[in-house]
Amino acid sequence: TPKETVKIWDRKKFSLAEFFQLSQSYNVPWNKFI
């Protein structure tokens, strides 16, 4: 629980490659709403 505010990644500002890299940092299914 290191964060205190919501952080947002939007495809308008971040590339496909950055989204893929993001998935590698959060690559488990059980802490997500999809």
Full PDB file with SEQRES, HELIX, SHEET, SSBOND, CRYST1, ORIGX, SCALE, CONECT and MASTER records, all heavy atoms in Angstrom:
SEQRES   1 A   34  THR PRO LYS GLU THR VAL LYS ILE TRP ASP ARG LYS LYS          
SEQRES   2 A   34  PHE SER LEU ALA GLU PHE PHE GLN LEU SER GLN SER TYR          
SEQRES   3 A   34  ASN VAL PRO TRP ASN LYS PHE ILE                              
HELIX    1 AA1 LEU A   16  SER A   25  1                                  10    
CRYST1    1.000    1.000    1.000  90.00  90.00  90.00 P 1           1          
ORIGX1      1.000000  0.000000  0.000000        0.00000                         
ORIGX2      0.000000  1.000000  0.000000        0.00000                         
ORIGX3      0.000000  0.000000  1.000000        0.00000                         
SCALE1      1.000000  0.000000  0.000000        0.00000                         
SCALE2      0.000000  1.000000  0.000000        0.00000                         
SCALE3      0.000000  0.000000  1.000000        0.00000                         
ATOM      1  N   THR A   1       0.824  -1.204   0.000  1.00  0.00           N  
ATOM      2  CA  THR A   1       0.000   0.000   0.000  1.00  0.00           C  
ATOM      3  C   THR A   1       0.862   1.259   0.000  1.00  0.00           C  
ATOM      4  O   THR A   1       0.788   2.064   0.913  1.00  0.00           O  
ATOM      5  CB  THR A   1      -0.941   0.027   1.216  1.00  0.00           C  
ATOM      6  OG1 THR A   1      -0.131  -0.105   2.410  1.00  0.00           O  
ATOM      7  CG2 THR A   1      -1.921  -1.119   1.176  1.00  0.00           C  
ATOM      8  N   PRO A   2       1.714   1.442  -1.004  1.00  0.00           N  
ATOM      9  CA  PRO A   2       2.623   2.583  -0.993  1.00  0.00           C  
ATOM     10  C   PRO A   2       2.012   3.885  -1.470  1.00  0.00           C  
ATOM     11  O   PRO A   2       2.579   4.946  -1.259  1.00  0.00           O  
ATOM     12  CB  PRO A   2       3.717   2.141  -1.960  1.00  0.00           C  
ATOM     13  CG  PRO A   2       2.991   1.286  -2.949  1.00  0.00           C  
ATOM     14  CD  PRO A   2       1.913   0.571  -2.160  1.00  0.00           C  
ATOM     15  N   LYS A   3       0.858   3.831  -2.136  1.00  0.00           N  
ATOM     16  CA  LYS A   3       0.294   5.024  -2.756  1.00  0.00           C  
ATOM     17  C   LYS A   3      -0.809   5.623  -1.895  1.00  0.00           C  
ATOM     18  O   LYS A   3      -1.483   4.922  -1.158  1.00  0.00           O  
ATOM     19  CB  LYS A   3      -0.259   4.673  -4.143  1.00  0.00           C  
ATOM     20  CG  LYS A   3       0.763   4.043  -5.092  1.00  0.00           C  
ATOM     21  CD  LYS A   3       1.812   5.059  -5.502  1.00  0.00           C  
ATOM     22  CE  LYS A   3       2.724   4.482  -6.571  1.00  0.00           C  
ATOM     23  NZ  LYS A   3       3.500   3.329  -6.141  1.00  0.00           N  
ATOM     24  N   GLU A   4      -1.004   6.924  -1.995  1.00  0.00           N  
ATOM     25  CA  GLU A   4      -2.049   7.609  -1.248  1.00  0.00           C  
ATOM     26  C   GLU A   4      -3.130   8.178  -2.160  1.00  0.00           C  
ATOM     27  O   GLU A   4      -4.198   8.550  -1.694  1.00  0.00           O  
ATOM     28  CB  GLU A   4      -1.442   8.730  -0.403  1.00  0.00           C  
ATOM     29  CG  GLU A   4      -0.489   8.220   0.676  1.00  0.00           C  
ATOM     30  CD  GLU A   4       0.063   9.340   1.531  1.00  0.00           C  
ATOM     31  OE1 GLU A   4      -0.251  10.518   1.237  1.00  0.00           O  
ATOM     32  OE2 GLU A   4       0.803   9.043   2.474  1.00  0.00           O  
ATOM     33  N   THR A   5      -2.863   8.280  -3.447  1.00  0.00           N  
ATOM     34  CA  THR A   5      -3.835   8.818  -4.393  1.00  0.00           C  
ATOM     35  C   THR A   5      -3.960   7.884  -5.587  1.00  0.00           C  
ATOM     36  O   THR A   5      -3.082   7.052  -5.850  1.00  0.00           O  
ATOM     37  CB  THR A   5      -3.421  10.212  -4.894  1.00  0.00           C  
ATOM     38  OG1 THR A   5      -2.127  10.115  -5.524  1.00  0.00           O  
ATOM     39  CG2 THR A   5      -3.338  11.196  -3.739  1.00  0.00           C  
ATOM     40  N   VAL A   6      -5.070   8.029  -6.314  1.00  0.00           N  
ATOM     41  CA  VAL A   6      -5.292   7.227  -7.514  1.00  0.00           C  
ATOM     42  C   VAL A   6      -4.345   7.696  -8.617  1.00  0.00           C  
ATOM     43  O   VAL A   6      -4.223   8.895  -8.882  1.00  0.00           O  
ATOM     44  CB  VAL A   6      -6.752   7.358  -7.988  1.00  0.00           C  
ATOM     45  CG1 VAL A   6      -6.956   6.648  -9.326  1.00  0.00           C  
ATOM     46  CG2 VAL A   6      -7.691   6.790  -6.932  1.00  0.00           C  
ATOM     47  N   LYS A   7      -3.673   6.747  -9.248  1.00  0.00           N  
ATOM     48  CA  LYS A   7      -2.807   7.061 -10.380  1.00  0.00           C  
ATOM     49  C   LYS A   7      -3.482   6.556 -11.653  1.00  0.00           C  
ATOM     50  O   LYS A   7      -4.076   5.478 -11.664  1.00  0.00           O  
ATOM     51  CB  LYS A   7      -1.441   6.400 -10.210  1.00  0.00           C  
ATOM     52  CG  LYS A   7      -0.433   6.804 -11.276  1.00  0.00           C  
ATOM     53  CD  LYS A   7       0.961   6.257 -10.962  1.00  0.00           C  
ATOM     54  CE  LYS A   7       1.972   6.713 -12.005  1.00  0.00           C  
ATOM     55  NZ  LYS A   7       3.345   6.214 -11.712  1.00  0.00           N  
ATOM     56  N   ILE A   8      -3.396   7.333 -12.721  1.00  0.00           N  
ATOM     57  CA  ILE A   8      -4.139   7.028 -13.946  1.00  0.00           C  
ATOM     58  C   ILE A   8      -3.203   6.937 -15.139  1.00  0.00           C  
ATOM     59  O   ILE A   8      -2.319   7.781 -15.319  1.00  0.00           O  
ATOM     60  CB  ILE A   8      -5.201   8.118 -14.216  1.00  0.00           C  
ATOM     61  CG1 ILE A   8      -6.193   8.198 -13.054  1.00  0.00           C  
ATOM     62  CG2 ILE A   8      -5.946   7.842 -15.525  1.00  0.00           C  
ATOM     63  CD1 ILE A   8      -7.148   9.366 -13.143  1.00  0.00           C  
ATOM     64  N   TRP A   9      -3.403   5.880 -15.934  1.00  0.00           N  
ATOM     65  CA  TRP A   9      -2.735   5.762 -17.232  1.00  0.00           C  
ATOM     66  C   TRP A   9      -3.822   5.790 -18.307  1.00  0.00           C  
ATOM     67  O   TRP A   9      -4.743   4.980 -18.293  1.00  0.00           O  
ATOM     68  CB  TRP A   9      -1.961   4.456 -17.342  1.00  0.00           C  
ATOM     69  CG  TRP A   9      -0.760   4.362 -16.467  1.00  0.00           C  
ATOM     70  CD1 TRP A   9       0.530   4.721 -16.772  1.00  0.00           C  
ATOM     71  CD2 TRP A   9      -0.705   3.842 -15.126  1.00  0.00           C  
ATOM     72  NE1 TRP A   9       1.365   4.470 -15.710  1.00  0.00           N  
ATOM     73  CE2 TRP A   9       0.632   3.945 -14.696  1.00  0.00           C  
ATOM     74  CE3 TRP A   9      -1.668   3.326 -14.255  1.00  0.00           C  
ATOM     75  CZ2 TRP A   9       1.041   3.526 -13.426  1.00  0.00           C  
ATOM     76  CZ3 TRP A   9      -1.280   2.921 -12.998  1.00  0.00           C  
ATOM     77  CH2 TRP A   9       0.065   3.022 -12.603  1.00  0.00           C  
ATOM     78  N   ASP A  10      -3.724   6.719 -19.233  1.00  0.00           N  
ATOM     79  CA  ASP A  10      -4.706   6.862 -20.300  1.00  0.00           C  
ATOM     80  C   ASP A  10      -4.006   6.656 -21.635  1.00  0.00           C  
ATOM     81  O   ASP A  10      -2.917   7.179 -21.864  1.00  0.00           O  
ATOM     82  CB  ASP A  10      -5.342   8.253 -20.253  1.00  0.00           C  
ATOM     83  CG  ASP A  10      -6.593   8.333 -21.112  1.00  0.00           C  
ATOM     84  OD1 ASP A  10      -6.467   8.218 -22.352  1.00  0.00           O  
ATOM     85  OD2 ASP A  10      -7.678   8.512 -20.548  1.00  0.00           O  
ATOM     86  N   ARG A  11      -4.652   5.902 -22.534  1.00  0.00           N  
ATOM     87  CA  ARG A  11      -4.040   5.587 -23.825  1.00  0.00           C  
ATOM     88  C   ARG A  11      -3.781   6.849 -24.640  1.00  0.00           C  
ATOM     89  O   ARG A  11      -2.924   6.857 -25.533  1.00  0.00           O  
ATOM     90  CB  ARG A  11      -4.932   4.615 -24.601  1.00  0.00           C  
ATOM     91  CG  ARG A  11      -4.359   4.126 -25.919  1.00  0.00           C  
ATOM     92  CD  ARG A  11      -3.020   3.406 -25.760  1.00  0.00           C  
ATOM     93  NE  ARG A  11      -3.144   2.198 -24.983  1.00  0.00           N  
ATOM     94  CZ  ARG A  11      -3.586   1.034 -25.465  1.00  0.00           C  
ATOM     95  NH1 ARG A  11      -3.926   0.940 -26.729  1.00  0.00           N  
ATOM     96  NH2 ARG A  11      -3.657  -0.024 -24.681  1.00  0.00           N  
ATOM     97  N   LYS A  12      -4.499   7.943 -24.345  1.00  0.00           N  
ATOM     98  CA  LYS A  12      -4.267   9.193 -25.062  1.00  0.00           C  
ATOM     99  C   LYS A  12      -2.889   9.767 -24.759  1.00  0.00           C  
ATOM    100  O   LYS A  12      -2.334  10.534 -25.550  1.00  0.00           O  
ATOM    101  CB  LYS A  12      -5.351  10.210 -24.694  1.00  0.00           C  
ATOM    102  CG  LYS A  12      -6.750   9.819 -25.133  1.00  0.00           C  
ATOM    103  CD  LYS A  12      -7.771  10.852 -24.668  1.00  0.00           C  
ATOM    104  CE  LYS A  12      -9.178  10.448 -25.071  1.00  0.00           C  
ATOM    105  NZ  LYS A  12     -10.191  11.423 -24.579  1.00  0.00           N  
ATOM    106  N   LYS A  13      -2.350   9.395 -23.589  1.00  0.00           N  
ATOM    107  CA  LYS A  13      -1.069   9.949 -23.166  1.00  0.00           C  
ATOM    108  C   LYS A  13       0.041   8.903 -23.105  1.00  0.00           C  
ATOM    109  O   LYS A  13       1.229   9.258 -23.107  1.00  0.00           O  
ATOM    110  CB  LYS A  13      -1.213  10.604 -21.788  1.00  0.00           C  
ATOM    111  CG  LYS A  13      -2.211  11.757 -21.765  1.00  0.00           C  
ATOM    112  CD  LYS A  13      -2.314  12.355 -20.369  1.00  0.00           C  
ATOM    113  CE  LYS A  13      -3.317  13.500 -20.330  1.00  0.00           C  
ATOM    114  NZ  LYS A  13      -3.449  14.082 -18.965  1.00  0.00           N  
ATOM    115  N   PHE A  14      -0.336   7.625 -23.023  1.00  0.00           N  
ATOM    116  CA  PHE A  14       0.658   6.567 -22.888  1.00  0.00           C  
ATOM    117  C   PHE A  14       0.572   5.628 -24.086  1.00  0.00           C  
ATOM    118  O   PHE A  14      -0.506   5.348 -24.607  1.00  0.00           O  
ATOM    119  CB  PHE A  14       0.444   5.778 -21.594  1.00  0.00           C  
ATOM    120  CG  PHE A  14       0.747   6.560 -20.350  1.00  0.00           C  
ATOM    121  CD1 PHE A  14      -0.211   7.373 -19.777  1.00  0.00           C  
ATOM    122  CD2 PHE A  14       1.998   6.501 -19.757  1.00  0.00           C  
ATOM    123  CE1 PHE A  14       0.056   8.110 -18.634  1.00  0.00           C  
ATOM    124  CE2 PHE A  14       2.283   7.226 -18.618  1.00  0.00           C  
ATOM    125  CZ  PHE A  14       1.320   8.034 -18.050  1.00  0.00           C  
ATOM    126  N   SER A  15       1.700   5.115 -24.506  1.00  0.00           N  
ATOM    127  CA  SER A  15       1.766   4.279 -25.704  1.00  0.00           C  
ATOM    128  C   SER A  15       1.355   2.844 -25.397  1.00  0.00           C  
ATOM    129  O   SER A  15       1.278   2.416 -24.242  1.00  0.00           O  
ATOM    130  CB  SER A  15       3.193   4.277 -26.254  1.00  0.00           C  
ATOM    131  OG  SER A  15       4.056   3.587 -25.374  1.00  0.00           O  
ATOM    132  N   LEU A  16       1.123   2.080 -26.461  1.00  0.00           N  
ATOM    133  CA  LEU A  16       0.825   0.661 -26.339  1.00  0.00           C  
ATOM    134  C   LEU A  16       1.960  -0.059 -25.628  1.00  0.00           C  
ATOM    135  O   LEU A  16       1.734  -0.919 -24.770  1.00  0.00           O  
ATOM    136  CB  LEU A  16       0.584   0.062 -27.726  1.00  0.00           C  
ATOM    137  CG  LEU A  16       0.251  -1.428 -27.792  1.00  0.00           C  
ATOM    138  CD1 LEU A  16      -1.057  -1.713 -27.073  1.00  0.00           C  
ATOM    139  CD2 LEU A  16       0.175  -1.877 -29.244  1.00  0.00           C  
ATOM    140  N   ALA A  17       3.191   0.285 -25.962  1.00  0.00           N  
ATOM    141  CA  ALA A  17       4.351  -0.342 -25.327  1.00  0.00           C  
ATOM    142  C   ALA A  17       4.383  -0.061 -23.829  1.00  0.00           C  
ATOM    143  O   ALA A  17       4.725  -0.938 -23.031  1.00  0.00           O  
ATOM    144  CB  ALA A  17       5.641   0.155 -25.981  1.00  0.00           C  
ATOM    145  N   GLU A  18       3.998   1.154 -23.441  1.00  0.00           N  
ATOM    146  CA  GLU A  18       3.972   1.501 -22.021  1.00  0.00           C  
ATOM    147  C   GLU A  18       2.879   0.727 -21.290  1.00  0.00           C  
ATOM    148  O   GLU A  18       3.065   0.308 -20.136  1.00  0.00           O  
ATOM    149  CB  GLU A  18       3.782   3.002 -21.859  1.00  0.00           C  
ATOM    150  CG  GLU A  18       5.031   3.812 -22.215  1.00  0.00           C  
ATOM    151  CD  GLU A  18       4.757   5.300 -22.241  1.00  0.00           C  
ATOM    152  OE1 GLU A  18       3.779   5.723 -22.895  1.00  0.00           O  
ATOM    153  OE2 GLU A  18       5.525   6.038 -21.598  1.00  0.00           O  
ATOM    154  N   PHE A  19       1.745   0.512 -21.935  1.00  0.00           N  
ATOM    155  CA  PHE A  19       0.685  -0.280 -21.325  1.00  0.00           C  
ATOM    156  C   PHE A  19       1.138  -1.728 -21.154  1.00  0.00           C  
ATOM    157  O   PHE A  19       0.849  -2.370 -20.143  1.00  0.00           O  
ATOM    158  CB  PHE A  19      -0.587  -0.218 -22.176  1.00  0.00           C  
ATOM    159  CG  PHE A  19      -1.564   0.829 -21.723  1.00  0.00           C  
ATOM    160  CD1 PHE A  19      -1.168   2.154 -21.593  1.00  0.00           C  
ATOM    161  CD2 PHE A  19      -2.862   0.497 -21.428  1.00  0.00           C  
ATOM    162  CE1 PHE A  19      -2.057   3.122 -21.180  1.00  0.00           C  
ATOM    163  CE2 PHE A  19      -3.778   1.465 -21.009  1.00  0.00           C  
ATOM    164  CZ  PHE A  19      -3.366   2.780 -20.885  1.00  0.00           C  
ATOM    165  N   PHE A  20       1.853  -2.265 -22.138  1.00  0.00           N  
ATOM    166  CA  PHE A  20       2.351  -3.630 -22.022  1.00  0.00           C  
ATOM    167  C   PHE A  20       3.360  -3.728 -20.883  1.00  0.00           C  
ATOM    168  O   PHE A  20       3.343  -4.685 -20.106  1.00  0.00           O  
ATOM    169  CB  PHE A  20       2.996  -4.078 -23.333  1.00  0.00           C  
ATOM    170  CG  PHE A  20       3.537  -5.484 -23.274  1.00  0.00           C  
ATOM    171  CD1 PHE A  20       2.685  -6.562 -23.396  1.00  0.00           C  
ATOM    172  CD2 PHE A  20       4.892  -5.725 -23.081  1.00  0.00           C  
ATOM    173  CE1 PHE A  20       3.170  -7.863 -23.327  1.00  0.00           C  
ATOM    174  CE2 PHE A  20       5.383  -7.009 -23.012  1.00  0.00           C  
ATOM    175  CZ  PHE A  20       4.518  -8.084 -23.140  1.00  0.00           C  
ATOM    176  N   GLN A  21       4.223  -2.746 -20.764  1.00  0.00           N  
ATOM    177  CA  GLN A  21       5.204  -2.738 -19.680  1.00  0.00           C  
ATOM    178  C   GLN A  21       4.496  -2.652 -18.330  1.00  0.00           C  
ATOM    179  O   GLN A  21       4.900  -3.287 -17.354  1.00  0.00           O  
ATOM    180  CB  GLN A  21       6.176  -1.565 -19.839  1.00  0.00           C  
ATOM    181  CG  GLN A  21       7.297  -1.541 -18.809  1.00  0.00           C  
ATOM    182  CD  GLN A  21       8.160  -2.787 -18.857  1.00  0.00           C  
ATOM    183  OE1 GLN A  21       8.491  -3.275 -19.947  1.00  0.00           O  
ATOM    184  NE2 GLN A  21       8.498  -3.327 -17.701  1.00  0.00           N  
ATOM    185  N   LEU A  22       3.430  -1.889 -18.283  1.00  0.00           N  
ATOM    186  CA  LEU A  22       2.643  -1.776 -17.065  1.00  0.00           C  
ATOM    187  C   LEU A  22       2.079  -3.132 -16.654  1.00  0.00           C  
ATOM    188  O   LEU A  22       2.057  -3.485 -15.470  1.00  0.00           O  
ATOM    189  CB  LEU A  22       1.512  -0.772 -17.279  1.00  0.00           C  
ATOM    190  CG  LEU A  22       0.576  -0.478 -16.108  1.00  0.00           C  
ATOM    191  CD1 LEU A  22       1.343   0.165 -14.963  1.00  0.00           C  
ATOM    192  CD2 LEU A  22      -0.556   0.433 -16.566  1.00  0.00           C  
ATOM    193  N   SER A  23       1.654  -3.908 -17.635  1.00  0.00           N  
ATOM    194  CA  SER A  23       1.093  -5.230 -17.346  1.00  0.00           C  
ATOM    195  C   SER A  23       2.116  -6.155 -16.715  1.00  0.00           C  
ATOM    196  O   SER A  23       1.779  -7.046 -15.933  1.00  0.00           O  
ATOM    197  CB  SER A  23       0.540  -5.868 -18.627  1.00  0.00           C  
ATOM    198  OG  SER A  23       1.585  -6.351 -19.463  1.00  0.00           O  
ATOM    199  N   GLN A  24       3.391  -5.964 -17.024  1.00  0.00           N  
ATOM    200  CA  GLN A  24       4.432  -6.808 -16.459  1.00  0.00           C  
ATOM    201  C   GLN A  24       4.666  -6.494 -14.983  1.00  0.00           C  
ATOM    202  O   GLN A  24       5.153  -7.337 -14.222  1.00  0.00           O  
ATOM    203  CB  GLN A  24       5.732  -6.645 -17.244  1.00  0.00           C  
ATOM    204  CG  GLN A  24       5.596  -6.893 -18.742  1.00  0.00           C  
ATOM    205  CD  GLN A  24       4.920  -8.213 -19.060  1.00  0.00           C  
ATOM    206  OE1 GLN A  24       5.457  -9.284 -18.793  1.00  0.00           O  
ATOM    207  NE2 GLN A  24       3.728  -8.147 -19.636  1.00  0.00           N  
ATOM    208  N   SER A  25       4.337  -5.279 -14.581  1.00  0.00           N  
ATOM    209  CA  SER A  25       4.484  -4.892 -13.177  1.00  0.00           C  
ATOM    210  C   SER A  25       3.284  -5.316 -12.335  1.00  0.00           C  
ATOM    211  O   SER A  25       3.401  -5.426 -11.117  1.00  0.00           O  
ATOM    212  CB  SER A  25       4.668  -3.373 -13.071  1.00  0.00           C  
ATOM    213  OG  SER A  25       5.822  -2.948 -13.768  1.00  0.00           O  
ATOM    214  N   TYR A  26       2.141  -5.523 -12.965  1.00  0.00           N  
ATOM    215  CA  TYR A  26       0.910  -5.891 -12.252  1.00  0.00           C  
ATOM    216  C   TYR A  26       0.290  -7.095 -12.957  1.00  0.00           C  
ATOM    217  O   TYR A  26      -0.802  -7.033 -13.503  1.00  0.00           O  
ATOM    218  CB  TYR A  26      -0.059  -4.702 -12.234  1.00  0.00           C  
ATOM    219  CG  TYR A  26       0.496  -3.470 -11.547  1.00  0.00           C  
ATOM    220  CD1 TYR A  26       1.063  -2.437 -12.288  1.00  0.00           C  
ATOM    221  CD2 TYR A  26       0.473  -3.363 -10.160  1.00  0.00           C  
ATOM    222  CE1 TYR A  26       1.581  -1.314 -11.651  1.00  0.00           C  
ATOM    223  CE2 TYR A  26       0.989  -2.244  -9.524  1.00  0.00           C  
ATOM    224  CZ  TYR A  26       1.541  -1.222 -10.273  1.00  0.00           C  
ATOM    225  OH  TYR A  26       2.057  -0.113  -9.640  1.00  0.00           O  
ATOM    226  N   ASN A  27       1.021  -8.223 -12.961  1.00  0.00           N  
ATOM    227  CA  ASN A  27       0.670  -9.331 -13.844  1.00  0.00           C  
ATOM    228  C   ASN A  27      -0.094 -10.467 -13.163  1.00  0.00           C  
ATOM    229  O   ASN A  27      -0.097 -11.589 -13.652  1.00  0.00           O  
ATOM    230  CB  ASN A  27       1.932  -9.881 -14.511  1.00  0.00           C  
ATOM    231  CG  ASN A  27       2.989 -10.328 -13.495  1.00  0.00           C  
ATOM    232  OD1 ASN A  27       2.694 -10.476 -12.318  1.00  0.00           O  
ATOM    233  ND2 ASN A  27       4.193 -10.542 -13.965  1.00  0.00           N  
ATOM    234  N   VAL A  28      -0.733 -10.190 -12.028  1.00  0.00           N  
ATOM    235  CA  VAL A  28      -1.598 -11.199 -11.413  1.00  0.00           C  
ATOM    236  C   VAL A  28      -3.053 -10.781 -11.632  1.00  0.00           C  
ATOM    237  O   VAL A  28      -3.349  -9.596 -11.765  1.00  0.00           O  
ATOM    238  CB  VAL A  28      -1.299 -11.348  -9.904  1.00  0.00           C  
ATOM    239  CG1 VAL A  28       0.106 -11.893  -9.685  1.00  0.00           C  
ATOM    240  CG2 VAL A  28      -1.462 -10.018  -9.181  1.00  0.00           C  
ATOM    241  N   PRO A  29      -3.984 -11.742 -11.672  1.00  0.00           N  
ATOM    242  CA  PRO A  29      -5.380 -11.377 -11.946  1.00  0.00           C  
ATOM    243  C   PRO A  29      -6.179 -11.000 -10.708  1.00  0.00           C  
ATOM    244  O   PRO A  29      -7.244 -10.399 -10.819  1.00  0.00           O  
ATOM    245  CB  PRO A  29      -5.941 -12.658 -12.572  1.00  0.00           C  
ATOM    246  CG  PRO A  29      -5.162 -13.752 -11.929  1.00  0.00           C  
ATOM    247  CD  PRO A  29      -3.777 -13.193 -11.686  1.00  0.00           C  
ATOM    248  N   TRP A  30      -5.692 -11.332  -9.519  1.00  0.00           N  
ATOM    249  CA  TRP A  30      -6.556 -11.294  -8.337  1.00  0.00           C  
ATOM    250  C   TRP A  30      -6.545 -10.002  -7.539  1.00  0.00           C  
ATOM    251  O   TRP A  30      -7.060  -9.970  -6.425  1.00  0.00           O  
ATOM    252  CB  TRP A  30      -6.246 -12.470  -7.412  1.00  0.00           C  
ATOM    253  CG  TRP A  30      -4.809 -12.869  -7.302  1.00  0.00           C  
ATOM    254  CD1 TRP A  30      -4.239 -13.983  -7.869  1.00  0.00           C  
ATOM    255  CD2 TRP A  30      -3.752 -12.196  -6.601  1.00  0.00           C  
ATOM    256  NE1 TRP A  30      -2.902 -14.023  -7.561  1.00  0.00           N  
ATOM    257  CE2 TRP A  30      -2.576 -12.954  -6.780  1.00  0.00           C  
ATOM    258  CE3 TRP A  30      -3.691 -11.026  -5.847  1.00  0.00           C  
ATOM    259  CZ2 TRP A  30      -1.357 -12.579  -6.232  1.00  0.00           C  
ATOM    260  CZ3 TRP A  30      -2.471 -10.640  -5.300  1.00  0.00           C  
ATOM    261  CH2 TRP A  30      -1.321 -11.426  -5.489  1.00  0.00           C  
ATOM    262  N   ASN A  31      -6.025  -8.923  -8.039  1.00  0.00           N  
ATOM    263  CA  ASN A  31      -6.157  -7.634  -7.341  1.00  0.00           C  
ATOM    264  C   ASN A  31      -6.726  -6.566  -8.267  1.00  0.00           C  
ATOM    265  O   ASN A  31      -6.430  -5.393  -8.126  1.00  0.00           O  
ATOM    266  CB  ASN A  31      -4.807  -7.179  -6.789  1.00  0.00           C  
ATOM    267  CG  ASN A  31      -3.797  -6.862  -7.886  1.00  0.00           C  
ATOM    268  OD1 ASN A  31      -3.891  -7.399  -8.993  1.00  0.00           O  
ATOM    269  ND2 ASN A  31      -2.838  -6.003  -7.602  1.00  0.00           N  
ATOM    270  N   LYS A  32      -7.575  -6.977  -9.185  1.00  0.00           N  
ATOM    271  CA  LYS A  32      -8.035  -6.066 -10.238  1.00  0.00           C  
ATOM    272  C   LYS A  32      -9.537  -6.146 -10.486  1.00  0.00           C  
ATOM    273  O   LYS A  32     -10.124  -7.236 -10.452  1.00  0.00           O  
ATOM    274  CB  LYS A  32      -7.327  -6.394 -11.558  1.00  0.00           C  
ATOM    275  CG  LYS A  32      -5.824  -6.223 -11.520  1.00  0.00           C  
ATOM    276  CD  LYS A  32      -5.199  -6.714 -12.813  1.00  0.00           C  
ATOM    277  CE  LYS A  32      -3.691  -6.541 -12.759  1.00  0.00           C  
ATOM    278  NZ  LYS A  32      -3.080  -7.358 -11.691  1.00  0.00           N  
ATOM    279  N   PHE A  33     -10.130  -5.005 -10.758  1.00  0.00           N  
ATOM    280  CA  PHE A  33     -11.413  -4.957 -11.439  1.00  0.00           C  
ATOM    281  C   PHE A  33     -11.116  -4.816 -12.929  1.00  0.00           C  
ATOM    282  O   PHE A  33     -10.353  -3.929 -13.335  1.00  0.00           O  
ATOM    283  CB  PHE A  33     -12.239  -3.759 -10.988  1.00  0.00           C  
ATOM    284  CG  PHE A  33     -13.101  -4.016  -9.786  1.00  0.00           C  
ATOM    285  CD1 PHE A  33     -13.062  -3.168  -8.694  1.00  0.00           C  
ATOM    286  CD2 PHE A  33     -13.961  -5.106  -9.758  1.00  0.00           C  
ATOM    287  CE1 PHE A  33     -13.866  -3.394  -7.588  1.00  0.00           C  
ATOM    288  CE2 PHE A  33     -14.763  -5.341  -8.654  1.00  0.00           C  
ATOM    289  CZ  PHE A  33     -14.713  -4.486  -7.568  1.00  0.00           C  
ATOM    290  N   ILE A  34     -11.721  -5.655 -13.738  1.00  0.00           N  
ATOM    291  CA  ILE A  34     -11.582  -5.583 -15.196  1.00  0.00           C  
ATOM    292  C   ILE A  34     -12.985  -5.404 -15.777  1.00  0.00           C  
ATOM    293  O   ILE A  34     -13.898  -6.172 -15.459  1.00  0.00           O  
ATOM    294  CB  ILE A  34     -10.927  -6.843 -15.774  1.00  0.00           C  
ATOM    295  CG1 ILE A  34      -9.541  -7.053 -15.147  1.00  0.00           C  
ATOM    296  CG2 ILE A  34     -10.818  -6.742 -17.297  1.00  0.00           C  
ATOM    297  CD1 ILE A  34      -8.887  -8.366 -15.542  1.00  0.00           C  
TER     298      ILE A  34                                                      
MASTER        0    0    0    1    0    0    0    6  297    1    0    3          
END                                                                             
